[in-house]
Structures are given as structure tokens and as C-alpha cells.
C-alpha atoms as a PDB file:
ATOM      1  CA  MET A   1      -0.792 -14.941  -6.943  1.00  0.00           C
ATOM      2  CA  SER A   2       2.292 -16.248  -5.965  1.00  0.00           C
ATOM      3  CA  ILE A   3       3.982 -12.986  -5.908  1.00  0.00           C
ATOM      4  CA  GLY A   4       1.507 -11.692  -3.458  1.00  0.00           C
ATOM      5  CA  VAL A   5       1.550 -14.634  -1.329  1.00  0.00           C
ATOM      6  CA  PHE A   6       5.539 -14.625  -0.852  1.00  0.00           C
ATOM      7  CA  LEU A   7       5.197 -10.586  -0.424  1.00  0.00           C
ATOM      8  CA  SER A   8       2.886 -11.041   2.271  1.00  0.00           C
ATOM      9  CA  ALA A   9       3.771 -14.383   3.937  1.00  0.00           C
ATOM     10  CA  PRO A  10       7.206 -13.038   5.567  1.00  0.00           C
ATOM     11  CA  MET A  11       5.884 -12.797   9.429  1.00  0.00           C
ATOM     12  CA  GLY A  12       7.403  -9.127   9.967  1.00  0.00           C
ATOM     13  CA  PRO A  13       5.792  -6.417  11.854  1.00  0.00           C
ATOM     14  CA  ILE A  14       2.628  -6.063   9.690  1.00  0.00           C
ATOM     15  CA  GLY A  15       2.074  -9.812  10.337  1.00  0.00           C
ATOM     16  CA  ILE A  16       2.684  -9.521  14.232  1.00  0.00           C
ATOM     17  CA  LEU A  17      -0.195  -6.468  14.089  1.00  0.00           C
ATOM     18  CA  CYS A  18      -2.402  -8.612  11.683  1.00  0.00           C
ATOM     19  CA  VAL A  19      -2.410 -11.323  14.501  1.00  0.00           C
ATOM     20  CA  GLN A  20      -2.493  -9.134  17.402  1.00  0.00           C
ATOM     21  CA  ARG A  21      -5.538  -7.063  16.397  1.00  0.00           C
ATOM     22  CA  THR A  22      -7.189 -10.460  15.352  1.00  0.00           C
ATOM     23  CA  LEU A  23      -6.552 -11.549  18.942  1.00  0.00           C
ATOM     24  CA  ASN A  24      -8.137  -8.500  20.424  1.00  0.00           C
ATOM     25  CA  LYS A  25     -10.669  -7.512  17.886  1.00  0.00           C
ATOM     26  CA  GLY A  26     -11.789 -10.394  16.053  1.00  0.00           C
ATOM     27  CA  ARG A  27     -10.837 -11.643  12.377  1.00  0.00           C
ATOM     28  CA  ASN A  28     -12.223  -8.801  10.476  1.00  0.00           C
ATOM     29  CA  SER A  29     -10.277  -6.337  12.297  1.00  0.00           C
ATOM     30  CA  GLY A  30      -7.021  -8.590  11.543  1.00  0.00           C
ATOM     31  CA  PHE A  31      -8.311  -9.064   7.656  1.00  0.00           C
ATOM     32  CA  PHE A  32      -8.708  -5.599   6.701  1.00  0.00           C
ATOM     33  CA  THR A  33      -5.596  -4.575   8.391  1.00  0.00           C
ATOM     34  CA  GLY A  34      -4.004  -7.201   5.703  1.00  0.00           C
ATOM     35  CA  VAL A  35      -6.368  -5.380   3.185  1.00  0.00           C
ATOM     36  CA  GLY A  36      -4.106  -2.161   3.551  1.00  0.00           C
ATOM     37  CA  ALA A  37      -0.897  -3.947   3.812  1.00  0.00           C
ATOM     38  CA  ALA A  38      -1.918  -5.580   0.293  1.00  0.00           C
ATOM     39  CA  ALA A  39      -2.794  -1.897  -0.990  1.00  0.00           C
ATOM     40  CA  SER A  40       0.976  -0.817   0.104  1.00  0.00           C
ATOM     41  CA  ASP A  41       2.331  -4.014  -1.659  1.00  0.00           C
ATOM     42  CA  LEU A  42       0.379  -2.997  -4.874  1.00  0.00           C
ATOM     43  CA  PHE A  43       1.957   0.597  -4.599  1.00  0.00           C
ATOM     44  CA  TYR A  44       5.539  -0.698  -4.388  1.00  0.00           C
ATOM     45  CA  CYS A  45       4.776  -3.322  -7.247  1.00  0.00           C
ATOM     46  CA  LEU A  46       3.682  -0.596  -9.332  1.00  0.00           C
ATOM     47  CA  LEU A  47       6.978   1.527  -8.590  1.00  0.00           C
ATOM     48  CA  THR A  48       9.029  -1.150  -9.518  1.00  0.00           C
ATOM     49  CA  GLY A  49       7.088  -2.030 -12.624  1.00  0.00           C
ATOM     50  CA  LEU A  50       7.348   1.195 -13.784  1.00  0.00           C
ATOM     51  CA  GLY A  51      10.341   2.438 -12.721  1.00  0.00           C
ATOM     52  CA  ILE A  52      13.000  -0.071 -11.333  1.00  0.00           C
ATOM     53  CA  SER A  53      16.272   1.592 -11.818  1.00  0.00           C
ATOM     54  CA  LEU A  54      14.928   4.954 -10.652  1.00  0.00           C
ATOM     55  CA  VAL A  55      13.227   3.841  -7.235  1.00  0.00           C
ATOM     56  CA  THR A  56      16.156   1.314  -6.469  1.00  0.00           C
ATOM     57  CA  ASP A  57      19.052   3.647  -7.091  1.00  0.00           C
ATOM     58  CA  PHE A  58      16.695   6.227  -4.727  1.00  0.00           C
ATOM     59  CA  ILE A  59      16.426   3.540  -2.153  1.00  0.00           C
ATOM     60  CA  ALA A  60      20.097   2.050  -2.437  1.00  0.00           C
ATOM     61  CA  ASP A  61      21.128   5.365  -1.946  1.00  0.00           C
ATOM     62  CA  HIS A  62      19.195   6.695   1.114  1.00  0.00           C
ATOM     63  CA  VAL A  63      18.854   3.064   2.579  1.00  0.00           C
ATOM     64  CA  ASN A  64      20.877   3.706   6.070  1.00  0.00           C
ATOM     65  CA  ILE A  65      18.307   6.986   6.617  1.00  0.00           C
ATOM     66  CA  LEU A  66      15.041   4.929   5.348  1.00  0.00           C
ATOM     67  CA  GLN A  67      15.947   2.133   7.869  1.00  0.00           C
ATOM     68  CA  VAL A  68      16.643   4.546  10.535  1.00  0.00           C
ATOM     69  CA  VAL A  69      13.116   6.161  10.166  1.00  0.00           C
ATOM     70  CA  GLY A  70      11.206   2.756   9.532  1.00  0.00           C
ATOM     71  CA  SER A  71      12.719   1.903  12.958  1.00  0.00           C
ATOM     72  CA  ILE A  72      11.727   5.360  14.699  1.00  0.00           C
ATOM     73  CA  ILE A  73       7.835   4.126  13.716  1.00  0.00           C
ATOM     74  CA  LEU A  74       8.166   0.687  14.766  1.00  0.00           C
ATOM     75  CA  ILE A  75       9.549   1.969  18.229  1.00  0.00           C
ATOM     76  CA  VAL A  76       6.293   4.200  18.422  1.00  0.00           C
ATOM     77  CA  TYR A  77       4.114   1.232  17.675  1.00  0.00           C
ATOM     78  CA  ALA A  78       5.862  -1.144  19.799  1.00  0.00           C
ATOM     79  CA  ILE A  79       5.633   1.320  22.969  1.00  0.00           C
ATOM     80  CA  TYR A  80       2.033   2.017  22.020  1.00  0.00           C
ATOM     81  CA  MET A  81       1.425  -2.052  22.372  1.00  0.00           C
ATOM     82  CA  ILE A  82       3.481  -2.625  25.358  1.00  0.00           C
ATOM     83  CA  VAL A  83       1.194   0.206  27.335  1.00  0.00           C
ATOM     84  CA  HIS A  84      -1.960  -0.029  25.493  1.00  0.00           C
ATOM     85  CA  ASN A  85      -4.770  -2.182  27.307  1.00  0.00           C
ATOM     86  CA  PRO A  86      -6.907  -4.162  24.874  1.00  0.00           C
ATOM     87  CA  VAL A  87      -9.819  -4.086  27.072  1.00  0.00           C
ATOM     88  CA  SER A  88     -10.345  -0.666  26.035  1.00  0.00           C
ATOM     89  CA  GLN A  89     -10.265  -1.933  22.683  1.00  0.00           C
ATOM     90  CA  ILE A  90     -13.062  -4.522  23.508  1.00  0.00           C
ATOM     91  CA  LYS A  91     -15.219  -1.637  25.220  1.00  0.00           C
ATOM     92  CA  GLU A  92     -14.772   0.551  22.555  1.00  0.00           C
ATOM     93  CA  SER A  93     -18.176   1.312  20.788  1.00  0.00           C
ATOM     94  CA  LEU A  94     -17.256   2.261  17.484  1.00  0.00           C
ATOM     95  CA  ASP A  95     -18.972   1.897  13.953  1.00  0.00           C
ATOM     96  CA  GLN A  96     -17.921  -0.966  12.628  1.00  0.00           C
ATOM     97  CA  ARG A  97     -17.177   0.212   9.266  1.00  0.00           C
ATOM     98  CA  GLU A  98     -15.085   3.388  10.485  1.00  0.00           C
ATOM     99  CA  ASP A  99     -13.271   1.075  12.592  1.00  0.00           C
ATOM    100  CA  HIS A 100     -12.400  -1.077   9.327  1.00  0.00           C
ATOM    101  CA  TRP A 101     -11.277   1.988   7.458  1.00  0.00           C
ATOM    102  CA  ARG A 102      -8.820   2.894  10.658  1.00  0.00           C
ATOM    103  CA  ASP A 103      -7.480  -0.544  10.435  1.00  0.00           C
ATOM    104  CA  MET A 104      -7.045  -0.673   6.617  1.00  0.00           C
ATOM    105  CA  VAL A 105      -5.229   2.862   6.678  1.00  0.00           C
ATOM    106  CA  THR A 106      -3.044   1.762   9.497  1.00  0.00           C
ATOM    107  CA  GLY A 107      -1.987  -1.644   7.744  1.00  0.00           C
ATOM    108  CA  PHE A 108      -1.318   0.658   4.713  1.00  0.00           C
ATOM    109  CA  LEU A 109       0.937   3.260   6.241  1.00  0.00           C
ATOM    110  CA  PHE A 110       2.591   0.542   8.504  1.00  0.00           C
ATOM    111  CA  THR A 111       3.876  -1.438   5.337  1.00  0.00           C
ATOM    112  CA  LEU A 112       4.375   1.374   3.376  1.00  0.00           C
ATOM    113  CA  SER A 113       6.864   2.668   5.984  1.00  0.00           C
ATOM    114  CA  ASN A 114       9.358  -0.355   4.686  1.00  0.00           C
ATOM    115  CA  PRO A 115      10.391   0.515   1.113  1.00  0.00           C
ATOM    116  CA  LEU A 116      13.204  -1.791   1.608  1.00  0.00           C
ATOM    117  CA  ILE A 117      10.205  -4.572   0.438  1.00  0.00           C
ATOM    118  CA  MET A 118      11.510  -3.313  -3.276  1.00  0.00           C
ATOM    119  CA  PHE A 119      14.165  -5.340  -2.894  1.00  0.00           C
ATOM    120  CA  LEU A 120      12.198  -8.546  -2.370  1.00  0.00           C
ATOM    121  CA  ILE A 121       9.598  -7.270  -5.112  1.00  0.00           C
ATOM    122  CA  ILE A 122      12.512  -7.058  -7.795  1.00  0.00           C
ATOM    123  CA  PRO A 123      13.781 -10.897  -7.472  1.00  0.00           C
ATOM    124  CA  LEU A 124      10.380 -12.030  -7.111  1.00  0.00           C
ATOM    125  CA  PHE A 125       9.364 -10.259 -10.437  1.00  0.00           C
ATOM    126  CA  ALA A 126      12.469 -11.484 -11.915  1.00  0.00           C
ATOM    127  CA  ARG A 127      11.768 -15.116 -11.253  1.00  0.00           C
ATOM    128  CA  PHE A 128       8.320 -15.045 -12.176  1.00  0.00           C
ATOM    129  CA  GLY A 129       8.855 -13.202 -15.397  1.00  0.00           C
ATOM    130  CA  PHE A 130       6.498 -10.111 -14.724  1.00  0.00           C
ATOM    131  CA  PRO A 131       6.212  -7.978 -16.381  1.00  0.00           C
ATOM    132  CA  LEU A 132       7.374  -9.058 -19.730  1.00  0.00           C
ATOM    133  CA  PRO A 133       7.839  -6.392 -22.831  1.00  0.00           C
ATOM    134  CA  GLU A 134       5.961  -8.776 -24.952  1.00  0.00           C
ATOM    135  CA  TYR A 135       2.614  -8.412 -22.338  1.00  0.00           C
ATOM    136  CA  LYS A 136      -0.523  -6.527 -23.546  1.00  0.00           C
ATOM    137  CA  PHE A 137      -1.656  -3.728 -21.563  1.00  0.00           C
ATOM    138  CA  TYR A 138      -4.644  -6.051 -19.945  1.00  0.00           C
ATOM    139  CA  HIS A 139      -2.030  -8.846 -19.143  1.00  0.00           C
ATOM    140  CA  ILE A 140      -0.200  -6.555 -16.997  1.00  0.00           C
ATOM    141  CA  ILE A 141      -2.980  -5.075 -15.299  1.00  0.00           C
ATOM    142  CA  LEU A 142      -4.115  -8.725 -14.687  1.00  0.00           C
ATOM    143  CA  GLY A 143      -0.996  -9.608 -13.150  1.00  0.00           C
ATOM    144  CA  TYR A 144      -0.995  -6.751 -10.873  1.00  0.00           C
ATOM    145  CA  ALA A 145      -4.734  -8.032  -9.846  1.00  0.00           C
ATOM    146  CA  PHE A 146      -4.220 -11.463  -8.852  1.00  0.00           C
ATOM    147  CA  ILE A 147      -0.608 -10.156  -6.618  1.00  0.00           C
ATOM    148  CA  VAL A 148      -3.468  -8.430  -4.798  1.00  0.00           C
ATOM    149  CA  VAL A 149      -5.563 -11.598  -4.756  1.00  0.00           C
ATOM    150  CA  GLY A 150      -2.667 -13.495  -3.846  1.00  0.00           C
ATOM    151  CA  ALA A 151      -1.830 -11.201  -0.841  1.00  0.00           C
ATOM    152  CA  LEU A 152      -5.571 -11.167   0.222  1.00  0.00           C
ATOM    153  CA  LEU A 153      -5.650 -14.740   0.336  1.00  0.00           C
ATOM    154  CA  TRP A 154      -2.785 -15.026   2.562  1.00  0.00           C
ATOM    155  CA  TRP A 155      -4.141 -12.588   4.757  1.00  0.00           C
ATOM    156  CA  ALA A 156      -7.554 -14.583   4.726  1.00  0.00           C
ATOM    157  CA  VAL A 157      -5.924 -17.853   5.756  1.00  0.00           C
ATOM    158  CA  ILE A 158      -3.952 -16.273   8.370  1.00  0.00           C
ATOM    159  CA  THR A 159      -6.648 -14.697  10.225  1.00  0.00           C
ATOM    160  CA  PHE A 160      -9.129 -17.597  10.057  1.00  0.00           C
ATOM    161  CA  PHE A 161      -6.695 -19.822  11.785  1.00  0.00           C
ATOM    162  CA  VAL A 162      -5.769 -17.086  14.197  1.00  0.00           C
ATOM    163  CA  ASP A 163      -9.337 -16.705  14.993  1.00  0.00           C
ATOM    164  CA  LYS A 164     -10.068 -20.181  15.686  1.00  0.00           C
ATOM    165  CA  VAL A 165      -7.322 -20.236  18.481  1.00  0.00           C
ATOM    166  CA  ARG A 166      -8.651 -16.668  19.928  1.00  0.00           C
ATOM    167  CA  THR A 167     -11.266 -18.485  22.024  1.00  0.00           C
ATOM    168  CA  HIS A 168      -8.881 -19.932  23.908  1.00  0.00           C
ATOM    169  CA  PHE A 169      -7.237 -16.657  25.320  1.00  0.00           C
ATOM    170  CA  ASN A 170      -8.872 -14.263  27.991  1.00  0.00           C
ATOM    171  CA  ILE A 171      -8.586 -10.307  28.257  1.00  0.00           C
ATOM    172  CA  ARG A 172      -5.554 -11.103  30.631  1.00  0.00           C
ATOM    173  CA  SER A 173      -3.577 -13.556  28.406  1.00  0.00           C
ATOM    174  CA  MET A 174      -4.460 -10.984  25.305  1.00  0.00           C
ATOM    175  CA  TRP A 175      -2.744  -8.081  27.398  1.00  0.00           C
ATOM    176  CA  LEU A 176       0.122 -10.143  27.817  1.00  0.00           C
ATOM    177  CA  ILE A 177       0.456 -11.029  24.226  1.00  0.00           C
ATOM    178  CA  ASN A 178       0.335  -7.637  23.384  1.00  0.00           C
ATOM    179  CA  ARG A 179       3.288  -6.683  25.518  1.00  0.00           C
ATOM    180  CA  ILE A 180       5.374 -10.113  24.640  1.00  0.00           C
ATOM    181  CA  ILE A 181       4.897  -8.727  20.701  1.00  0.00           C
ATOM    182  CA  GLY A 182       5.351  -5.483  21.708  1.00  0.00           C
ATOM    183  CA  ILE A 183       8.963  -6.055  23.636  1.00  0.00           C
ATOM    184  CA  ILE A 184       9.707  -8.330  20.472  1.00  0.00           C
ATOM    185  CA  VAL A 185       8.774  -5.619  17.717  1.00  0.00           C
ATOM    186  CA  LEU A 186      10.682  -2.897  19.899  1.00  0.00           C
ATOM    187  CA  LEU A 187      14.183  -5.003  20.222  1.00  0.00           C
ATOM    188  CA  LEU A 188      13.934  -5.778  16.687  1.00  0.00           C
ATOM    189  CA  SER A 189      13.401  -2.078  15.829  1.00  0.00           C
ATOM    190  CA  ILE A 190      16.091  -0.534  18.436  1.00  0.00           C
ATOM    191  CA  TYR A 191      18.453  -3.010  16.507  1.00  0.00           C
ATOM    192  CA  GLY A 192      17.390  -1.732  13.303  1.00  0.00           C
ATOM    193  CA  LEU A 193      17.713   1.900  14.478  1.00  0.00           C
ATOM    194  CA  ALA A 194      20.969   1.389  15.764  1.00  0.00           C
ATOM    195  CA  THR A 195      22.590  -0.394  13.109  1.00  0.00           C
ATOM    196  CA  GLY A 196      21.129   2.085  10.523  1.00  0.00           C
ATOM    197  CA  LEU A 197      22.133   4.879  12.515  1.00  0.00           C
ATOM    198  CA  TYR A 198      25.471   3.503  12.929  1.00  0.00           C
ATOM    199  CA  ALA A 199      25.845   3.144   8.922  1.00  0.00           C
ATOM    200  CA  TYR A 200      24.775   6.398   8.043  1.00  0.00           C
ATOM    201  CA  LEU A 201      27.306   8.119  10.512  1.00  0.00           C
ATOM    202  CA  GLN A 202      29.810   6.019   8.865  1.00  0.00           C
ATOM    203  CA  GLU A 203      28.396   7.059   5.656  1.00  0.00           C
ATOM    204  CA  ILE A 204      28.919  10.732   6.150  1.00  0.00           C
ATOM    205  CA  HIS A 205      32.054  10.235   7.972  1.00  0.00           C
ATOM    206  CA  LEU A 206      30.852  11.324  11.518  1.00  0.00           C
ATOM    207  CA  ILE A 207      32.761   8.000  13.026  1.00  0.00           C
END
């Protein structure tokens, strides 16, 4: 459970997305975005547990290009946040179940675009001694299950508190928050793109 909480707690782009959706569309939208993020975390945890050396070697060999691709994805999302009016989200008459599926899928893909999270998973696994060779199969299954439980508890708490202050925001302030958060994500993504691209060009000896 602690691993799940520590993986989810850093307020990165996925955390910002959950907060934004909770403010714009309510707690359920933010929470189901977190569910998608937890599924992506589980995927990377399974990759780490099943083949640490293989996966980490691949990431280490392609870290710069992965940073470039991830930054481009975040830039596109940030621009969408800046120009998109949350009023249109509130006026949408979509089926609630389909809406939650979309929240989960986008949360999953958004988190999946950052494979560097595995460099956080590895020390967490080492710190908490999971999984150990003497563990039986069902111990490992329970361990992965409770990683997801820890992540879901984190998103439940975050969206609960954000939803409590949601009533203090009107439509105009929500749009302003969208733009501010979008600009922050955009600036961070541009910086990540620039540093990743510079390192990649150095790697292939173009500069």
C-alpha cells in the first residue's frame, strides 16, 4: 500500500489532471482518472517485478528520446487545457458510464507516457523488500493488489478534498485555473523537451 501511495503522491501532470477534472466535472471524474493512473502504475510495477534489468536497460538506453516524446504529449495536452472552455464540459450531456471510461483511459495513457516512473518503482521495491525470492505466488499477487489499493486510496483522498473546495469556484474561475495549470504544464514540458532534445542531439553527436 505504501508503494502505491508513494507512486501516486508526487503532484506531477497526472495529479494536475485529476485536480482539474475534479474541479471542472466533479469528484467521480477526477477519481476515475486516478483509477486509470493506478492501472498504468500497476503495469509498470509488473514490468519492473518481472524483468528489472531488461526494462531498465531499455529505458536507460533511450531515456533522452523517451523524454522528448513524453514532453511532446504533455505540450499537446497543455495547449488543449489552455484553449478549452470548461463550460462546454459542464453542458455536455454524455452518458456517465462512457464519461468515466474516457477518464480512466486518458488517465492510463497519460501516466503510461512517462516510463521514467520505473526509476521510482525500483528503489521503492528495494526499500520495502518487494518482491522477495522466498515469497510464494499468492504473496506476490496480494502485494501487487495492495499497491493498487494504496494508489486508489491516495486518489480518493485527493479528489475528496479538492471536491470540498470546488463549490467556491465559479465557471470563470475554473477556466482561469485551467489556463494557469495548462501554462505551468506547458512551461515544464517545453523545458523537458528542450533538455531531452539537447541531450539526444549530444548523444548522436550532432552538437
